[in-house]
Amino acid sequence: MAMPWHVGRAVARRISDLVYLLDRPQRKAEMARNIKDTFPHLTGRQVRDIVRGAYCFLAESTVDARHFHELVIKGRCTDVLEVEGGDELRNPARKVGIIFVTGHFGCWEVLGLAGASLGYPLTSVARTMRNPLIDRHMRRLREAAGEIVVPKRGAMLQALRVLKAGGNLAFLVDQDARRDGIFVDFLGKPASTTSSPARLAYATGAPIAFVYARRLGQQNRFRIVVADVIWPRRDAGEAQEVLRMTQRMSHDLEEVVRKWPTGWMWMHRRWKTYPGKYRRRRQAGTPGESLP
């Protein structure tokens, strides 16, 4: 890439300022409400600073992912990485793969790109993006780094095969799961959340590792943190265990969002689905099932 890394990041900041100014007022207002609900002690100005900071961090992270991808291709990405935690995962007696989960927090693209270089080649289960050009571009970046990407819809059988063969899976667990999710608490409100990682863990005995990546200041270096390892209790009931593990994943993400609020994608309509939403629609004459 012709543009140096620090220059690209500076340009991204300027672009993010423009996007912030031009973006829909309704989106920014919803972000501000969610931030105020999460941090009620903050002033209006502090809330606006987090909203603006979230735009900036997203733009900078896009530049970071592109440059990091180049280092992966050159075989030099481990030169700019620090890894914290994860000793529990290096168990030669483990017969199945690992389910890595994270959210749209920090440098989440770095996690997938770095997986193979760190000895954990990943199969990512991802929702297809609405923009087909961006979707194809991101798929090419990930697959060039050794990551396998499978569409989220209908991926359960393939995911089971990957785990049982000793492969590793990766999920983003902070998107609204609509009627397919289960409700757990996230940042103080019920959020429809994918239960797929927990169901796969229960079915195979695979551990779930909550991970995240953060850039170290303005350096071109990153720290990957394995913050929690969740083992399924196979002697417990499935529904109970799926709920417990899904709630714990959400709690792990909540902890880092509360520490670094500008590092999360508040643009997502995380609480779009609320308890009883689809039940009310059905009662009004619209087909649909209520969430479990």
Protein backbone atom coordinates (compact mmCIF):
# COMPACT_ATOMS: atom_id res chain seq x y z
CA MET A 1 0.00 0.00 0.00
CA ALA A 2 1.42 3.36 -1.06
CA MET A 3 0.05 5.35 1.87
CA PRO A 4 2.05 4.85 5.10
CA TRP A 5 0.16 3.36 8.00
CA HIS A 6 0.16 6.47 10.19
CA VAL A 7 -0.94 8.64 7.27
CA GLY A 8 -3.79 6.26 6.44
CA ARG A 9 -4.94 6.41 10.04
CA ALA A 10 -4.86 10.22 10.02
CA VAL A 11 -6.91 10.30 6.82
CA ALA A 12 -9.37 7.85 8.35
CA ARG A 13 -9.87 10.20 11.30
CA ARG A 14 -10.72 13.08 8.99
CA ILE A 15 -13.14 10.93 7.01
CA SER A 16 -14.79 9.73 10.22
CA ASP A 17 -15.38 13.36 11.26
CA LEU A 18 -17.15 13.96 7.96
CA VAL A 19 -19.22 10.78 8.27
CA TYR A 20 -20.16 11.77 11.80
CA LEU A 21 -21.40 15.16 10.62
CA LEU A 22 -23.33 13.79 7.63
CA ASP A 23 -24.75 10.61 9.11
CA ARG A 24 -28.44 10.37 9.91
CA PRO A 25 -29.39 12.28 13.09
CA GLN A 26 -31.66 9.39 14.08
CA ARG A 27 -28.71 6.97 14.16
CA LYS A 28 -26.60 9.31 16.29
CA ALA A 29 -29.53 9.98 18.62
CA GLU A 30 -30.11 6.24 19.11
CA MET A 31 -26.41 5.71 19.80
CA ALA A 32 -26.48 8.53 22.35
CA ARG A 33 -29.55 7.06 24.09
CA ASN A 34 -27.94 3.63 24.37
CA ILE A 35 -24.71 5.12 25.71
CA LYS A 36 -26.60 7.23 28.24
CA ASP A 37 -28.59 4.16 29.35
CA THR A 38 -25.31 2.28 29.85
CA PHE A 39 -23.44 5.15 31.50
CA PRO A 40 -26.12 7.30 33.21
CA HIS A 41 -23.51 9.35 35.08
CA LEU A 42 -22.04 10.84 31.87
CA THR A 43 -22.77 14.38 30.76
CA GLY A 44 -24.25 15.14 27.35
CA ARG A 45 -20.85 16.23 26.09
CA GLN A 46 -19.18 13.03 27.28
CA VAL A 47 -21.86 10.98 25.53
CA ARG A 48 -21.29 12.90 22.28
CA ASP A 49 -17.54 12.33 22.61
CA ILE A 50 -18.13 8.57 22.79
CA VAL A 51 -20.43 8.68 19.75
CA ARG A 52 -17.84 10.61 17.76
CA GLY A 53 -15.05 8.40 19.07
CA ALA A 54 -16.89 5.27 17.90
CA TYR A 55 -16.97 6.64 14.34
CA CYS A 56 -13.26 7.45 14.54
CA PHE A 57 -12.27 4.08 15.97
CA LEU A 58 -14.21 2.22 13.29
CA ALA A 59 -12.47 4.18 10.51
CA GLU A 60 -9.02 3.67 12.03
CA SER A 61 -9.67 -0.04 12.54
CA THR A 62 -10.47 -0.42 8.85
CA VAL A 63 -7.05 1.01 7.99
CA ASP A 64 -5.38 -1.17 10.63
CA ALA A 65 -7.00 -4.32 9.20
CA ARG A 66 -5.80 -3.50 5.67
CA HIS A 67 -2.19 -2.91 6.76
CA PHE A 68 -2.21 -5.91 9.09
CA HIS A 69 -3.42 -8.06 6.18
CA GLU A 70 -0.31 -7.05 4.24
CA LEU A 71 1.88 -8.16 7.14
CA VAL A 72 0.07 -11.51 7.24
CA ILE A 73 0.72 -12.05 3.53
CA LYS A 74 4.40 -11.21 4.06
CA GLY A 75 4.60 -13.57 7.06
CA ARG A 76 5.47 -10.74 9.45
CA CYS A 77 2.25 -10.22 11.42
CA THR A 78 3.57 -11.89 14.59
CA ASP A 79 6.19 -9.12 14.78
CA VAL A 80 3.45 -6.66 15.78
CA LEU A 81 1.42 -8.95 18.03
CA GLU A 82 1.32 -9.62 21.75
CA VAL A 83 -0.84 -12.45 23.09
CA GLU A 84 -2.17 -12.52 26.64
CA GLY A 85 -3.83 -15.57 28.18
CA GLY A 86 -4.84 -18.77 26.47
CA ASP A 87 -2.69 -21.27 28.38
CA GLU A 88 -5.82 -23.27 29.16
CA LEU A 89 -6.42 -23.79 25.44
CA ARG A 90 -3.04 -25.41 24.77
CA ASN A 91 -4.11 -28.85 25.95
CA PRO A 92 -2.86 -31.80 23.89
CA ALA A 93 -5.58 -34.01 25.38
CA ARG A 94 -8.33 -31.87 23.82
CA LYS A 95 -9.96 -33.89 21.01
CA VAL A 96 -12.10 -31.16 19.45
CA GLY A 97 -11.47 -27.65 18.22
CA ILE A 98 -12.05 -24.31 19.94
CA ILE A 99 -14.95 -21.91 19.51
CA PHE A 100 -13.55 -18.37 19.52
CA VAL A 101 -16.10 -15.62 20.13
CA THR A 102 -15.81 -11.85 20.14
CA GLY A 103 -17.83 -8.78 19.22
CA HIS A 104 -17.48 -5.75 17.00
CA PHE A 105 -15.05 -4.39 19.53
CA GLY A 106 -11.48 -3.18 19.12
CA CYS A 107 -9.64 -4.63 16.14
CA TRP A 108 -11.87 -7.63 15.55
CA GLU A 109 -10.68 -8.15 11.95
CA VAL A 110 -7.12 -8.54 13.24
CA LEU A 111 -8.24 -11.57 15.26
CA GLY A 112 -9.41 -13.49 12.21
CA LEU A 113 -6.45 -12.47 10.08
CA ALA A 114 -3.97 -13.49 12.78
CA GLY A 115 -5.53 -16.85 13.64
CA ALA A 116 -3.57 -19.10 11.27
CA SER A 117 -0.27 -17.33 11.98
CA LEU A 118 -0.76 -17.96 15.72
CA GLY A 119 -1.48 -21.65 15.18
CA TYR A 120 -5.28 -21.42 15.25
CA PRO A 121 -6.60 -21.50 11.66
CA LEU A 122 -10.21 -20.38 11.77
CA THR A 123 -13.49 -21.09 10.07
CA SER A 124 -15.57 -17.97 10.59
CA VAL A 125 -19.34 -18.16 10.66
CA ALA A 126 -20.44 -14.74 9.46
CA ARG A 127 -23.61 -12.98 8.38
CA THR A 128 -23.48 -11.97 4.71
CA MET A 129 -23.11 -8.20 4.38
CA ARG A 130 -25.84 -6.25 2.63
CA ASN A 131 -23.38 -4.62 0.24
CA PRO A 132 -22.15 -7.42 -2.06
CA LEU A 133 -19.01 -5.49 -3.07
CA ILE A 134 -17.90 -5.03 0.55
CA ASP A 135 -18.85 -8.63 1.32
CA ARG A 136 -16.67 -9.98 -1.52
CA HIS A 137 -13.79 -7.68 -0.57
CA MET A 138 -13.79 -8.73 3.08
CA ARG A 139 -14.10 -12.40 2.12
CA ARG A 140 -11.04 -12.12 -0.15
CA LEU A 141 -9.01 -10.44 2.60
CA ARG A 142 -9.91 -13.09 5.15
CA GLU A 143 -9.41 -16.08 2.89
CA ALA A 144 -6.05 -14.79 1.66
CA ALA A 145 -4.93 -14.88 5.30
CA GLY A 146 -5.96 -18.51 5.69
CA GLU A 147 -9.40 -17.92 7.20
CA ILE A 148 -12.36 -19.91 5.85
CA VAL A 149 -15.63 -17.96 5.77
CA VAL A 150 -19.01 -19.69 5.71
CA PRO A 151 -22.39 -17.92 5.61
CA LYS A 152 -24.23 -17.93 8.92
CA ARG A 153 -27.48 -19.24 7.49
CA GLY A 154 -27.43 -23.05 7.47
CA ALA A 155 -23.84 -23.34 8.79
CA MET A 156 -24.56 -25.54 11.83
CA LEU A 157 -23.78 -28.90 10.21
CA GLN A 158 -20.54 -27.64 8.68
CA ALA A 159 -19.55 -26.07 12.00
CA LEU A 160 -20.07 -29.39 13.79
CA ARG A 161 -17.84 -31.15 11.28
CA VAL A 162 -15.10 -28.55 11.70
CA LEU A 163 -15.07 -28.89 15.49
CA LYS A 164 -15.13 -32.69 15.50
CA ALA A 165 -12.22 -32.73 13.04
CA GLY A 166 -10.18 -30.58 15.43
CA GLY A 167 -10.70 -27.30 13.58
CA ASN A 168 -11.54 -23.96 15.18
CA LEU A 169 -14.58 -21.74 14.74
CA ALA A 170 -15.02 -17.98 15.10
CA PHE A 171 -18.24 -16.09 15.82
CA LEU A 172 -19.22 -12.46 16.32
CA VAL A 173 -21.84 -12.57 19.05
CA ASP A 174 -23.07 -8.98 19.39
CA GLN A 175 -25.44 -8.59 16.45
CA ASP A 176 -29.19 -8.62 16.96
CA ALA A 177 -30.23 -12.25 16.38
CA ARG A 178 -33.88 -11.41 15.77
CA ARG A 179 -36.27 -14.34 16.25
CA ASP A 180 -33.43 -16.89 16.03
CA GLY A 181 -31.73 -15.73 19.25
CA ILE A 182 -32.27 -16.11 22.96
CA PHE A 183 -32.54 -13.21 25.37
CA VAL A 184 -29.65 -12.51 27.71
CA ASP A 185 -28.65 -9.34 29.52
CA PHE A 186 -26.22 -7.05 27.70
CA LEU A 187 -25.34 -3.64 29.10
CA GLY A 188 -28.39 -3.75 31.35
CA LYS A 189 -31.01 -4.61 28.71
CA PRO A 190 -32.33 -7.87 27.25
CA ALA A 191 -30.70 -8.53 23.88
CA SER A 192 -31.53 -11.22 21.34
CA THR A 193 -28.27 -13.14 21.04
CA THR A 194 -27.08 -16.04 18.92
CA SER A 195 -26.97 -19.29 20.86
CA SER A 196 -25.02 -21.17 18.17
CA PRO A 197 -21.61 -21.11 19.94
CA ALA A 198 -23.16 -22.44 23.15
CA ARG A 199 -25.16 -25.13 21.37
CA LEU A 200 -22.06 -26.29 19.48
CA ALA A 201 -20.03 -26.33 22.70
CA TYR A 202 -22.66 -28.42 24.46
CA ALA A 203 -22.92 -30.86 21.55
CA THR A 204 -19.16 -31.42 21.16
CA GLY A 205 -17.56 -30.54 24.50
CA ALA A 206 -15.51 -27.80 22.79
CA PRO A 207 -14.45 -24.81 24.93
CA ILE A 208 -15.61 -21.30 24.11
CA ALA A 209 -12.84 -18.70 24.26
CA PHE A 210 -13.83 -15.04 24.50
CA VAL A 211 -11.10 -13.00 22.80
CA TYR A 212 -10.53 -9.43 21.73
CA ALA A 213 -7.77 -7.38 20.13
CA ARG A 214 -6.77 -3.79 20.84
CA ARG A 215 -4.23 -1.51 19.25
CA LEU A 216 -1.54 -0.38 21.65
CA GLY A 217 -1.94 3.40 21.66
CA GLN A 218 -0.98 4.89 18.30
CA GLN A 219 1.63 2.21 17.72
CA ASN A 220 1.35 -0.27 14.86
CA ARG A 221 1.13 -3.04 17.43
CA PHE A 222 -1.78 -5.07 18.79
CA ARG A 223 -2.52 -7.08 21.89
CA ILE A 224 -4.76 -10.14 21.55
CA VAL A 225 -6.34 -11.12 24.85
CA VAL A 226 -7.95 -14.46 25.67
CA ALA A 227 -10.13 -13.04 28.44
CA ASP A 228 -12.25 -16.06 29.34
CA VAL A 229 -12.54 -19.77 28.58
CA ILE A 230 -15.98 -21.30 29.06
CA TRP A 231 -16.26 -25.08 29.30
CA PRO A 232 -19.64 -26.73 28.81
CA ARG A 233 -21.08 -28.75 31.67
CA ARG A 234 -22.21 -31.86 29.86
CA ASP A 235 -24.00 -33.19 32.94
CA ALA A 236 -26.38 -30.19 33.00
CA GLY A 237 -29.51 -29.77 30.91
CA GLU A 238 -28.93 -28.39 27.41
CA ALA A 239 -31.29 -25.42 27.65
CA GLN A 240 -29.85 -24.38 31.00
CA GLU A 241 -26.26 -24.67 29.75
CA VAL A 242 -26.92 -22.84 26.49
CA LEU A 243 -28.42 -19.95 28.44
CA ARG A 244 -25.56 -19.90 30.96
CA MET A 245 -22.81 -19.90 28.33
CA THR A 246 -24.54 -17.34 26.12
CA GLN A 247 -25.03 -15.00 29.09
CA ARG A 248 -21.39 -15.39 30.09
CA MET A 249 -20.19 -14.52 26.58
CA SER A 250 -22.34 -11.40 26.64
CA HIS A 251 -21.01 -10.49 30.08
CA ASP A 252 -17.41 -10.88 28.87
CA LEU A 253 -18.06 -8.47 26.01
CA GLU A 254 -19.90 -6.08 28.32
CA GLU A 255 -16.88 -5.87 30.60
CA VAL A 256 -14.55 -4.64 27.83
CA VAL A 257 -17.16 -2.28 26.38
CA ARG A 258 -17.58 -0.64 29.78
CA LYS A 259 -13.80 -0.21 30.03
CA TRP A 260 -13.33 1.16 26.48
CA PRO A 261 -16.71 2.41 25.23
CA THR A 262 -15.39 4.08 22.07
CA GLY A 263 -14.04 0.71 20.92
CA TRP A 264 -17.47 -0.84 20.32
CA MET A 265 -19.71 -0.40 17.28
CA TRP A 266 -22.60 1.47 18.84
CA MET A 267 -24.02 1.92 15.31
CA HIS A 268 -25.47 -1.58 15.50
CA ARG A 269 -29.12 -1.66 16.51
CA ARG A 270 -28.21 -4.18 19.18
CA TRP A 271 -31.56 -4.04 21.00
CA LYS A 272 -33.78 -3.87 17.90
CA THR A 273 -35.50 -7.12 18.95
CA TYR A 274 -37.22 -6.88 22.32
CA PRO A 275 -39.06 -9.53 24.36
CA GLY A 276 -42.48 -10.21 22.85
CA LYS A 277 -41.80 -8.36 19.57
CA TYR A 278 -42.69 -11.20 17.24
CA ARG A 279 -45.52 -12.40 19.47
CA ARG A 280 -47.14 -8.96 19.17
CA ARG A 281 -46.69 -9.03 15.41
CA ARG A 282 -48.40 -12.41 15.18
CA GLN A 283 -51.30 -11.16 17.29
CA ALA A 284 -51.58 -8.21 14.90
CA GLY A 285 -51.87 -10.58 11.94
CA THR A 286 -48.25 -10.76 10.80
CA PRO A 287 -46.82 -14.30 10.58
CA GLY A 288 -43.93 -15.07 12.85
CA GLU A 289 -42.83 -16.91 15.97
CA SER A 290 -41.81 -15.40 19.27
CA LEU A 291 -38.23 -15.75 20.37
CA PRO A 292 -37.43 -18.53 22.83
